[in-house]
PDB file of N, CA and C in Angstrom:
ATOM      1  N   MET A   1      20.247  -1.152  17.635  1.00  0.00           N
ATOM      2  CA  MET A   1      18.775  -1.406  17.314  1.00  0.00           C
ATOM      3  C   MET A   1      18.579  -2.693  16.587  1.00  0.00           C
ATOM      4  N   LYS A   2      17.641  -3.438  17.129  1.00  0.00           N
ATOM      5  CA  LYS A   2      17.412  -4.877  16.422  1.00  0.00           C
ATOM      6  C   LYS A   2      16.235  -4.740  15.716  1.00  0.00           C
ATOM      7  N   ILE A   3      16.371  -5.530  14.610  1.00  0.00           N
ATOM      8  CA  ILE A   3      15.050  -5.746  13.775  1.00  0.00           C
ATOM      9  C   ILE A   3      13.861  -6.366  14.228  1.00  0.00           C
ATOM     10  N   ARG A   4      12.830  -5.957  14.220  1.00  0.00           N
ATOM     11  CA  ARG A   4      11.710  -6.832  14.519  1.00  0.00           C
ATOM     12  C   ARG A   4      11.143  -7.511  13.366  1.00  0.00           C
ATOM     13  N   VAL A   5      11.017  -8.818  13.222  1.00  0.00           N
ATOM     14  CA  VAL A   5      10.580  -9.495  12.138  1.00  0.00           C
ATOM     15  C   VAL A   5       8.932  -9.415  12.091  1.00  0.00           C
ATOM     16  N   LYS A   6       8.534  -8.847  11.079  1.00  0.00           N
ATOM     17  CA  LYS A   6       6.965  -8.750  10.784  1.00  0.00           C
ATOM     18  C   LYS A   6       6.498 -10.127  10.491  1.00  0.00           C
ATOM     19  N   SER A   7       5.150 -10.264  10.557  1.00  0.00           N
ATOM     20  CA  SER A   7       4.502 -11.603  10.199  1.00  0.00           C
ATOM     21  C   SER A   7       4.501 -11.833   8.739  1.00  0.00           C
ATOM     22  N   ASN A   8       4.678 -10.804   7.770  1.00  0.00           N
ATOM     23  CA  ASN A   8       4.936 -10.702   6.271  1.00  0.00           C
ATOM     24  C   ASN A   8       5.991  -9.891   5.955  1.00  0.00           C
ATOM     25  N   PRO A   9       7.151 -10.242   6.304  1.00  0.00           N
ATOM     26  CA  PRO A   9       8.314  -9.380   5.965  1.00  0.00           C
ATOM     27  C   PRO A   9       8.437  -9.106   4.384  1.00  0.00           C
ATOM     28  N   LYS A  10       9.041  -7.978   4.134  1.00  0.00           N
ATOM     29  CA  LYS A  10       9.222  -7.513   2.793  1.00  0.00           C
ATOM     30  C   LYS A  10      10.763  -7.132   2.771  1.00  0.00           C
ATOM     31  N   LEU A  11      11.513  -7.318   1.562  1.00  0.00           N
ATOM     32  CA  LEU A  11      12.927  -7.016   1.374  1.00  0.00           C
ATOM     33  C   LEU A  11      13.074  -5.537   1.929  1.00  0.00           C
ATOM     34  N   GLY A  12      12.244  -4.648   1.635  1.00  0.00           N
ATOM     35  CA  GLY A  12      12.458  -3.380   2.092  1.00  0.00           C
ATOM     36  C   GLY A  12      12.497  -3.097   3.470  1.00  0.00           C
ATOM     37  N   ASP A  13      12.308  -4.132   4.397  1.00  0.00           N
ATOM     38  CA  ASP A  13      12.323  -3.911   5.786  1.00  0.00           C
ATOM     39  C   ASP A  13      13.926  -4.145   6.128  1.00  0.00           C
ATOM     40  N   LEU A  14      14.649  -4.694   5.322  1.00  0.00           N
ATOM     41  CA  LEU A  14      15.945  -5.205   5.643  1.00  0.00           C
ATOM     42  C   LEU A  14      17.011  -4.360   4.748  1.00  0.00           C
ATOM     43  N   ILE A  15      16.724  -3.595   3.747  1.00  0.00           N
ATOM     44  CA  ILE A  15      17.675  -2.805   2.861  1.00  0.00           C
ATOM     45  C   ILE A  15      17.311  -1.539   2.690  1.00  0.00           C
ATOM     46  N   GLU A  16      18.373  -0.738   2.150  1.00  0.00           N
ATOM     47  CA  GLU A  16      18.156   0.539   1.716  1.00  0.00           C
ATOM     48  C   GLU A  16      18.369   0.617   0.334  1.00  0.00           C
ATOM     49  N   ILE A  17      17.442   1.390  -0.461  1.00  0.00           N
ATOM     50  CA  ILE A  17      17.518   1.491  -1.962  1.00  0.00           C
ATOM     51  C   ILE A  17      17.591   2.901  -2.266  1.00  0.00           C
ATOM     52  N   LYS A  18      18.761   3.278  -2.886  1.00  0.00           N
ATOM     53  CA  LYS A  18      18.922   4.709  -3.187  1.00  0.00           C
ATOM     54  C   LYS A  18      19.720   4.755  -4.713  1.00  0.00           C
ATOM     55  N   LEU A  19      19.555   5.905  -5.350  1.00  0.00           N
ATOM     56  CA  LEU A  19      20.122   6.328  -6.601  1.00  0.00           C
ATOM     57  C   LEU A  19      21.389   6.984  -6.065  1.00  0.00           C
ATOM     58  N   LYS A  20      22.417   7.049  -7.061  1.00  0.00           N
ATOM     59  CA  LYS A  20      23.662   7.649  -6.803  1.00  0.00           C
ATOM     60  C   LYS A  20      24.366   7.146  -5.345  1.00  0.00           C
ATOM     61  N   ASN A  21      24.220   6.143  -5.111  1.00  0.00           N
ATOM     62  CA  ASN A  21      24.934   5.431  -3.806  1.00  0.00           C
ATOM     63  C   ASN A  21      26.095   4.730  -4.154  1.00  0.00           C
ATOM     64  N   GLU A  22      27.318   5.472  -4.147  1.00  0.00           N
ATOM     65  CA  GLU A  22      28.481   4.696  -4.452  1.00  0.00           C
ATOM     66  C   GLU A  22      28.994   3.744  -3.330  1.00  0.00           C
ATOM     67  N   ASN A  23      28.421   3.729  -2.281  1.00  0.00           N
ATOM     68  CA  ASN A  23      28.936   2.691  -1.243  1.00  0.00           C
ATOM     69  C   ASN A  23      27.838   1.600  -1.008  1.00  0.00           C
ATOM     70  N   ALA A  24      26.936   1.253  -2.109  1.00  0.00           N
ATOM     71  CA  ALA A  24      26.168   0.363  -1.842  1.00  0.00           C
ATOM     72  C   ALA A  24      26.764  -0.990  -1.952  1.00  0.00           C
ATOM     73  N   ASP A  25      26.170  -2.068  -1.516  1.00  0.00           N
ATOM     74  CA  ASP A  25      26.605  -3.456  -1.520  1.00  0.00           C
ATOM     75  C   ASP A  25      26.671  -3.885  -2.975  1.00  0.00           C
ATOM     76  N   PHE A  26      25.662  -3.420  -3.846  1.00  0.00           N
ATOM     77  CA  PHE A  26      25.484  -3.842  -5.217  1.00  0.00           C
ATOM     78  C   PHE A  26      24.573  -2.950  -5.865  1.00  0.00           C
ATOM     79  N   TRP A  27      24.370  -2.958  -7.184  1.00  0.00           N
ATOM     80  CA  TRP A  27      23.382  -2.120  -7.837  1.00  0.00           C
ATOM     81  C   TRP A  27      22.389  -2.958  -8.849  1.00  0.00           C
ATOM     82  N   LEU A  28      21.377  -2.381  -9.074  1.00  0.00           N
ATOM     83  CA  LEU A  28      20.286  -3.083  -9.897  1.00  0.00           C
ATOM     84  C   LEU A  28      19.982  -2.081 -11.118  1.00  0.00           C
ATOM     85  N   THR A  29      20.111  -2.521 -12.270  1.00  0.00           N
ATOM     86  CA  THR A  29      19.693  -1.717 -13.468  1.00  0.00           C
ATOM     87  C   THR A  29      18.297  -1.255 -13.383  1.00  0.00           C
ATOM     88  N   ARG A  30      18.058  -0.005 -13.273  1.00  0.00           N
ATOM     89  CA  ARG A  30      16.618   0.267 -12.977  1.00  0.00           C
ATOM     90  C   ARG A  30      15.780   0.724 -14.306  1.00  0.00           C
ATOM     91  N   ARG A  31      16.519   0.992 -15.259  1.00  0.00           N
ATOM     92  CA  ARG A  31      15.712   1.121 -16.706  1.00  0.00           C
ATOM     93  C   ARG A  31      16.551   0.870 -17.831  1.00  0.00           C
ATOM     94  N   GLY A  32      16.068   0.756 -19.058  1.00  0.00           N
ATOM     95  CA  GLY A  32      16.754   0.445 -20.152  1.00  0.00           C
ATOM     96  C   GLY A  32      15.955  -0.714 -20.832  1.00  0.00           C
ATOM     97  N   SER A  33      16.703  -1.496 -21.410  1.00  0.00           N
ATOM     98  CA  SER A  33      16.205  -2.591 -22.327  1.00  0.00           C
ATOM     99  C   SER A  33      15.609  -3.701 -21.335  1.00  0.00           C
ATOM    100  N   ILE A  34      14.496  -4.396 -21.799  1.00  0.00           N
ATOM    101  CA  ILE A  34      13.941  -5.323 -20.971  1.00  0.00           C
ATOM    102  C   ILE A  34      14.827  -6.585 -20.521  1.00  0.00           C
ATOM    103  N   GLU A  35      15.860  -6.789 -21.428  1.00  0.00           N
ATOM    104  CA  GLU A  35      16.762  -7.912 -21.234  1.00  0.00           C
ATOM    105  C   GLU A  35      17.796  -7.645 -19.917  1.00  0.00           C
ATOM    106  N   LYS A  36      18.138  -6.161 -19.853  1.00  0.00           N
ATOM    107  CA  LYS A  36      18.988  -5.844 -18.790  1.00  0.00           C
ATOM    108  C   LYS A  36      18.214  -5.303 -17.409  1.00  0.00           C
ATOM    109  N   LEU A  37      17.045  -5.129 -17.636  1.00  0.00           N
ATOM    110  CA  LEU A  37      16.285  -4.538 -16.423  1.00  0.00           C
ATOM    111  C   LEU A  37      16.339  -5.500 -15.186  1.00  0.00           C
ATOM    112  N   GLY A  38      16.763  -4.734 -14.093  1.00  0.00           N
ATOM    113  CA  GLY A  38      16.897  -5.358 -12.798  1.00  0.00           C
ATOM    114  C   GLY A  38      18.248  -6.367 -12.656  1.00  0.00           C
ATOM    115  N   LYS A  39      19.025  -6.238 -13.739  1.00  0.00           N
ATOM    116  CA  LYS A  39      20.321  -7.098 -13.537  1.00  0.00           C
ATOM    117  C   LYS A  39      21.178  -6.506 -12.564  1.00  0.00           C
ATOM    118  N   PRO A  40      21.558  -7.350 -11.617  1.00  0.00           N
ATOM    119  CA  PRO A  40      22.507  -6.963 -10.518  1.00  0.00           C
ATOM    120  C   PRO A  40      24.011  -6.770 -11.062  1.00  0.00           C
ATOM    121  N   THR A  41      24.549  -5.876 -10.405  1.00  0.00           N
ATOM    122  CA  THR A  41      26.191  -5.703 -10.864  1.00  0.00           C
ATOM    123  C   THR A  41      26.793  -5.135  -9.654  1.00  0.00           C
ATOM    124  N   ARG A  42      28.145  -5.420  -9.628  1.00  0.00           N
ATOM    125  CA  ARG A  42      28.964  -4.957  -8.680  1.00  0.00           C
ATOM    126  C   ARG A  42      29.648  -3.675  -9.027  1.00  0.00           C
ATOM    127  N   ASP A  43      29.371  -3.192 -10.176  1.00  0.00           N
ATOM    128  CA  ASP A  43      29.973  -2.072 -10.735  1.00  0.00           C
ATOM    129  C   ASP A  43      29.050  -0.789 -10.378  1.00  0.00           C
ATOM    130  N   TYR A  44      29.500   0.228  -9.899  1.00  0.00           N
ATOM    131  CA  TYR A  44      28.653   1.335  -9.676  1.00  0.00           C
ATOM    132  C   TYR A  44      28.140   1.970 -10.900  1.00  0.00           C
ATOM    133  N   ASN A  45      26.966   2.470 -10.899  1.00  0.00           N
ATOM    134  CA  ASN A  45      26.204   3.335 -11.893  1.00  0.00           C
ATOM    135  C   ASN A  45      25.414   4.183 -11.327  1.00  0.00           C
ATOM    136  N   PRO A  46      25.595   5.445 -11.323  1.00  0.00           N
ATOM    137  CA  PRO A  46      24.613   6.520 -10.582  1.00  0.00           C
ATOM    138  C   PRO A  46      23.226   6.368 -11.140  1.00  0.00           C
ATOM    139  N   GLU A  47      23.067   5.853 -12.307  1.00  0.00           N
ATOM    140  CA  GLU A  47      21.606   5.601 -12.743  1.00  0.00           C
ATOM    141  C   GLU A  47      20.813   4.278 -12.229  1.00  0.00           C
ATOM    142  N   SER A  48      21.627   3.335 -11.560  1.00  0.00           N
ATOM    143  CA  SER A  48      21.150   2.029 -10.999  1.00  0.00           C
ATOM    144  C   SER A  48      20.650   2.338  -9.619  1.00  0.00           C
ATOM    145  N   PHE A  49      19.807   1.530  -9.138  1.00  0.00           N
ATOM    146  CA  PHE A  49      19.512   1.583  -7.707  1.00  0.00           C
ATOM    147  C   PHE A  49      20.571   0.924  -6.861  1.00  0.00           C
ATOM    148  N   GLY A  50      21.263   1.427  -5.932  1.00  0.00           N
ATOM    149  CA  GLY A  50      22.128   1.171  -5.053  1.00  0.00           C
ATOM    150  C   GLY A  50      21.516   0.345  -3.971  1.00  0.00           C
ATOM    151  N   ILE A  51      21.795  -0.880  -3.715  1.00  0.00           N
ATOM    152  CA  ILE A  51      21.150  -1.857  -2.626  1.00  0.00           C
ATOM    153  C   ILE A  51      22.039  -2.071  -1.632  1.00  0.00           C
ATOM    154  N   THR A  52      21.838  -1.689  -0.305  1.00  0.00           N
ATOM    155  CA  THR A  52      22.604  -1.832   0.899  1.00  0.00           C
ATOM    156  C   THR A  52      21.765  -2.479   1.854  1.00  0.00           C
ATOM    157  N   VAL A  53      22.342  -3.596   2.399  1.00  0.00           N
ATOM    158  CA  VAL A  53      21.671  -4.301   3.547  1.00  0.00           C
ATOM    159  C   VAL A  53      21.991  -3.249   4.827  1.00  0.00           C
ATOM    160  N   ARG A  54      20.853  -2.995   5.557  1.00  0.00           N
ATOM    161  CA  ARG A  54      20.981  -2.257   6.611  1.00  0.00           C
ATOM    162  C   ARG A  54      21.851  -2.843   7.799  1.00  0.00           C
ATOM    163  N   ASP A  55      22.709  -2.075   8.388  1.00  0.00           N
ATOM    164  CA  ASP A  55      23.624  -2.504   9.532  1.00  0.00           C
ATOM    165  C   ASP A  55      22.802  -3.428  10.446  1.00  0.00           C
ATOM    166  N   ASP A  56      21.653  -3.110  10.780  1.00  0.00           N
ATOM    167  CA  ASP A  56      20.843  -3.744  11.889  1.00  0.00           C
ATOM    168  C   ASP A  56      20.328  -5.170  11.326  1.00  0.00           C
ATOM    169  N   ALA A  57      20.415  -5.398   9.899  1.00  0.00           N
ATOM    170  CA  ALA A  57      19.840  -6.594   9.298  1.00  0.00           C
ATOM    171  C   ALA A  57      20.830  -7.446   8.822  1.00  0.00           C
ATOM    172  N   LYS A  58      22.083  -7.212   9.019  1.00  0.00           N
ATOM    173  CA  LYS A  58      23.191  -8.044   8.528  1.00  0.00           C
ATOM    174  C   LYS A  58      23.253  -9.423   9.254  1.00  0.00           C
ATOM    175  N   ASP A  59      22.779  -9.508  10.319  1.00  0.00           N
ATOM    176  CA  ASP A  59      22.780 -10.776  11.043  1.00  0.00           C
ATOM    177  C   ASP A  59      21.658 -11.637  10.474  1.00  0.00           C
ATOM    178  N   ILE A  60      20.678 -11.077   9.676  1.00  0.00           N
ATOM    179  CA  ILE A  60      19.634 -11.829   9.039  1.00  0.00           C
ATOM    180  C   ILE A  60      19.905 -12.094   7.545  1.00  0.00           C
ATOM    181  N   LEU A  61      20.407 -11.007   6.942  1.00  0.00           N
ATOM    182  CA  LEU A  61      20.710 -11.006   5.524  1.00  0.00           C
ATOM    183  C   LEU A  61      21.935 -10.625   5.010  1.00  0.00           C
ATOM    184  N   ASP A  62      22.764 -11.634   4.448  1.00  0.00           N
ATOM    185  CA  ASP A  62      24.173 -11.442   4.107  1.00  0.00           C
ATOM    186  C   ASP A  62      24.036 -10.585   2.699  1.00  0.00           C
ATOM    187  N   PRO A  63      24.835  -9.511   2.486  1.00  0.00           N
ATOM    188  CA  PRO A  63      24.808  -8.846   1.240  1.00  0.00           C
ATOM    189  C   PRO A  63      25.211  -9.575   0.055  1.00  0.00           C
ATOM    190  N   SER A  64      26.125 -10.608   0.188  1.00  0.00           N
ATOM    191  CA  SER A  64      26.631 -11.477  -1.029  1.00  0.00           C
ATOM    192  C   SER A  64      25.433 -12.340  -1.281  1.00  0.00           C
ATOM    193  N   TYR A  65      24.739 -12.979  -0.394  1.00  0.00           N
ATOM    194  CA  TYR A  65      23.730 -13.811  -0.644  1.00  0.00           C
ATOM    195  C   TYR A  65      22.578 -13.161  -1.304  1.00  0.00           C
ATOM    196  N   LEU A  66      22.306 -11.970  -0.900  1.00  0.00           N
ATOM    197  CA  LEU A  66      21.253 -11.116  -1.511  1.00  0.00           C
ATOM    198  C   LEU A  66      21.548 -10.844  -3.073  1.00  0.00           C
ATOM    199  N   TYR A  67      22.862 -10.544  -3.261  1.00  0.00           N
ATOM    200  CA  TYR A  67      23.267 -10.379  -4.603  1.00  0.00           C
ATOM    201  C   TYR A  67      22.869 -11.667  -5.441  1.00  0.00           C
ATOM    202  N   TYR A  68      23.123 -12.754  -4.955  1.00  0.00           N
ATOM    203  CA  TYR A  68      22.910 -13.965  -5.712  1.00  0.00           C
ATOM    204  C   TYR A  68      21.467 -14.243  -5.984  1.00  0.00           C
ATOM    205  N   MET A  69      20.616 -13.782  -4.836  1.00  0.00           N
ATOM    206  CA  MET A  69      19.316 -14.083  -4.884  1.00  0.00           C
ATOM    207  C   MET A  69      18.619 -13.171  -5.921  1.00  0.00           C
ATOM    208  N   MET A  70      19.167 -11.778  -6.096  1.00  0.00           N
ATOM    209  CA  MET A  70      18.758 -10.858  -7.060  1.00  0.00           C
ATOM    210  C   MET A  70      19.131 -11.400  -8.433  1.00  0.00           C
ATOM    211  N   GLU A  71      20.207 -11.980  -8.600  1.00  0.00           N
ATOM    212  CA  GLU A  71      20.650 -12.625  -9.929  1.00  0.00           C
ATOM    213  C   GLU A  71      19.696 -13.727 -10.228  1.00  0.00           C
ATOM    214  N   HIS A  72      19.285 -14.431  -9.276  1.00  0.00           N
ATOM    215  CA  HIS A  72      18.319 -15.497  -9.657  1.00  0.00           C
ATOM    216  C   HIS A  72      17.031 -14.909  -9.905  1.00  0.00           C
ATOM    217  N   LEU A  73      16.486 -14.008  -9.353  1.00  0.00           N
ATOM    218  CA  LEU A  73      15.118 -13.352  -9.654  1.00  0.00           C
ATOM    219  C   LEU A  73      15.182 -12.620 -11.096  1.00  0.00           C
ATOM    220  N   TRP A  74      16.450 -12.255 -11.403  1.00  0.00           N
ATOM    221  CA  TRP A  74      16.530 -11.567 -12.880  1.00  0.00           C
ATOM    222  C   TRP A  74      16.475 -12.753 -13.796  1.00  0.00           C
ATOM    223  N   ASN A  75      17.345 -13.875 -13.456  1.00  0.00           N
ATOM    224  CA  ASN A  75      17.281 -15.024 -14.432  1.00  0.00           C
ATOM    225  C   ASN A  75      15.846 -15.667 -14.672  1.00  0.00           C
ATOM    226  N   GLN A  76      15.130 -15.533 -13.534  1.00  0.00           N
ATOM    227  CA  GLN A  76      13.711 -16.046 -13.577  1.00  0.00           C
ATOM    228  C   GLN A  76      12.837 -15.087 -14.271  1.00  0.00           C
ATOM    229  N   GLY A  77      13.218 -13.904 -14.751  1.00  0.00           N
ATOM    230  CA  GLY A  77      12.325 -12.861 -15.340  1.00  0.00           C
ATOM    231  C   GLY A  77      11.438 -12.174 -14.542  1.00  0.00           C
ATOM    232  N   LEU A  78      11.788 -11.970 -13.222  1.00  0.00           N
ATOM    233  CA  LEU A  78      10.857 -11.316 -12.357  1.00  0.00           C
ATOM    234  C   LEU A  78      10.648  -9.902 -12.727  1.00  0.00           C
ATOM    235  N   TRP A  79      11.953  -9.136 -13.084  1.00  0.00           N
ATOM    236  CA  TRP A  79      11.749  -7.721 -13.345  1.00  0.00           C
ATOM    237  C   TRP A  79      11.176  -7.616 -14.824  1.00  0.00           C
ATOM    238  N   GLN A  80      11.279  -8.452 -15.606  1.00  0.00           N
ATOM    239  CA  GLN A  80      10.352  -8.332 -16.919  1.00  0.00           C
ATOM    240  C   GLN A  80       8.922  -8.240 -16.662  1.00  0.00           C
ATOM    241  N   ARG A  81       8.642  -9.220 -15.891  1.00  0.00           N
ATOM    242  CA  ARG A  81       7.143  -9.182 -15.438  1.00  0.00           C
ATOM    243  C   ARG A  81       6.739  -7.996 -14.614  1.00  0.00           C
ATOM    244  N   LEU A  82       7.622  -7.244 -13.746  1.00  0.00           N
ATOM    245  CA  LEU A  82       7.043  -6.224 -12.983  1.00  0.00           C
ATOM    246  C   LEU A  82       7.508  -4.783 -13.736  1.00  0.00           C
ATOM    247  N   SER A  83       8.064  -4.814 -14.995  1.00  0.00           N
ATOM    248  CA  SER A  83       8.487  -3.687 -15.667  1.00  0.00           C
ATOM    249  C   SER A  83       7.337  -2.750 -15.991  1.00  0.00           C
ATOM    250  N   LYS A  84       7.621  -1.451 -16.164  1.00  0.00           N
ATOM    251  CA  LYS A  84       6.577  -0.411 -16.511  1.00  0.00           C
ATOM    252  C   LYS A  84       7.165   0.366 -17.777  1.00  0.00           C
ATOM    253  N   GLY A  85       6.424   1.039 -18.265  1.00  0.00           N
ATOM    254  CA  GLY A  85       6.929   1.851 -19.464  1.00  0.00           C
ATOM    255  C   GLY A  85       6.670   1.150 -20.749  1.00  0.00           C
ATOM    256  N   SER A  86       6.690   1.947 -21.805  1.00  0.00           N
ATOM    257  CA  SER A  86       6.575   1.358 -23.256  1.00  0.00           C
ATOM    258  C   SER A  86       7.792   1.253 -24.004  1.00  0.00           C
ATOM    259  N   VAL A  87       8.493   2.458 -24.244  1.00  0.00           N
ATOM    260  CA  VAL A  87       9.734   2.578 -24.950  1.00  0.00           C
ATOM    261  C   VAL A  87      10.874   2.152 -24.143  1.00  0.00           C
ATOM    262  N   ILE A  88      10.914   2.944 -22.911  1.00  0.00           N
ATOM    263  CA  ILE A  88      11.978   2.669 -21.972  1.00  0.00           C
ATOM    264  C   ILE A  88      11.441   1.888 -20.995  1.00  0.00           C
ATOM    265  N   LYS A  89      11.796   0.729 -20.566  1.00  0.00           N
ATOM    266  CA  LYS A  89      11.362  -0.035 -19.658  1.00  0.00           C
ATOM    267  C   LYS A  89      12.010   0.378 -18.224  1.00  0.00           C
ATOM    268  N   PHE A  90      11.295   0.354 -16.981  1.00  0.00           N
ATOM    269  CA  PHE A  90      11.875   0.580 -15.924  1.00  0.00           C
ATOM    270  C   PHE A  90      11.169  -0.139 -14.660  1.00  0.00           C
ATOM    271  N   ILE A  91      11.831  -0.274 -13.599  1.00  0.00           N
ATOM    272  CA  ILE A  91      11.223  -0.734 -12.252  1.00  0.00           C
ATOM    273  C   ILE A  91      11.378   0.401 -11.221  1.00  0.00           C
ATOM    274  N   THR A  92      10.730   0.235 -10.257  1.00  0.00           N
ATOM    275  CA  THR A  92      10.795   1.222  -9.054  1.00  0.00           C
ATOM    276  C   THR A  92      11.224   0.620  -7.859  1.00  0.00           C
ATOM    277  N   LYS A  93      11.526   1.588  -6.870  1.00  0.00           N
ATOM    278  CA  LYS A  93      12.152   1.210  -5.557  1.00  0.00           C
ATOM    279  C   LYS A  93      10.943   0.205  -4.863  1.00  0.00           C
ATOM    280  N   GLU A  94       9.762   0.672  -5.022  1.00  0.00           N
ATOM    281  CA  GLU A  94       8.679  -0.160  -4.452  1.00  0.00           C
ATOM    282  C   GLU A  94       8.802  -1.613  -5.003  1.00  0.00           C
ATOM    283  N   ASP A  95       9.019  -1.961  -6.296  1.00  0.00           N
ATOM    284  CA  ASP A  95       9.062  -3.136  -6.856  1.00  0.00           C
ATOM    285  C   ASP A  95      10.090  -4.016  -6.059  1.00  0.00           C
ATOM    286  N   ILE A  96      11.297  -3.328  -5.731  1.00  0.00           N
ATOM    287  CA  ILE A  96      12.187  -4.093  -5.108  1.00  0.00           C
ATOM    288  C   ILE A  96      11.900  -4.345  -3.580  1.00  0.00           C
ATOM    289  N   ALA A  97      11.481  -3.221  -2.863  1.00  0.00           N
ATOM    290  CA  ALA A  97      11.013  -3.358  -1.670  1.00  0.00           C
ATOM    291  C   ALA A  97       9.897  -4.181  -1.220  1.00  0.00           C
ATOM    292  N   ASN A  98       8.988  -4.444  -2.077  1.00  0.00           N
ATOM    293  CA  ASN A  98       7.879  -5.281  -1.801  1.00  0.00           C
ATOM    294  C   ASN A  98       8.036  -6.840  -2.049  1.00  0.00           C
ATOM    295  N   ILE A  99       9.234  -7.165  -2.453  1.00  0.00           N
ATOM    296  CA  ILE A  99       9.554  -8.633  -2.594  1.00  0.00           C
ATOM    297  C   ILE A  99       9.356  -9.257  -1.240  1.00  0.00           C
ATOM    298  N   PRO A 100       8.609 -10.399  -1.209  1.00  0.00           N
ATOM    299  CA  PRO A 100       8.401 -10.923   0.051  1.00  0.00           C
ATOM    300  C   PRO A 100       9.533 -11.882   0.507  1.00  0.00           C
ATOM    301  N   ILE A 101       9.954 -11.852   1.824  1.00  0.00           N
ATOM    302  CA  ILE A 101      10.959 -12.806   2.208  1.00  0.00           C
ATOM    303  C   ILE A 101      10.370 -13.680   3.368  1.00  0.00           C
ATOM    304  N   GLY A 102      11.189 -14.879   3.468  1.00  0.00           N
ATOM    305  CA  GLY A 102      10.661 -15.752   4.436  1.00  0.00           C
ATOM    306  C   GLY A 102       9.952 -16.903   3.822  1.00  0.00           C
ATOM    307  N   THR A 103       9.570 -17.791   4.573  1.00  0.00           N
ATOM    308  CA  THR A 103       8.886 -19.105   4.102  1.00  0.00           C
ATOM    309  C   THR A 103       7.518 -19.209   4.141  1.00  0.00           C
ATOM    310  N   ASN A 104       6.939 -17.977   4.444  1.00  0.00           N
ATOM    311  CA  ASN A 104       5.461 -17.962   4.556  1.00  0.00           C
ATOM    312  C   ASN A 104       4.756 -18.294   3.200  1.00  0.00           C
TER     313      ASN A 104
END
């Protein structure tokens, strides 16, 4: 099955986002301190979002490249701006899935 590129593609069109996914390409910290929120890691944590590039999207998006792009977004403070909660900060699957991709 080949991916059809939409006019306004989102990251969620190319990846799967799941909790407790030991086989993910990498993981994003989904809750905790504002400083660590959204930080990508290559170490499995069942409480983190597992990010997997879909098989039918690997010709469009390399998992290693996506990891470094997520690191860049974390360094830029994206997840701090999108965080929810007062005492324990968190991000949602939708926050990740709705990241626009492309050059539009």
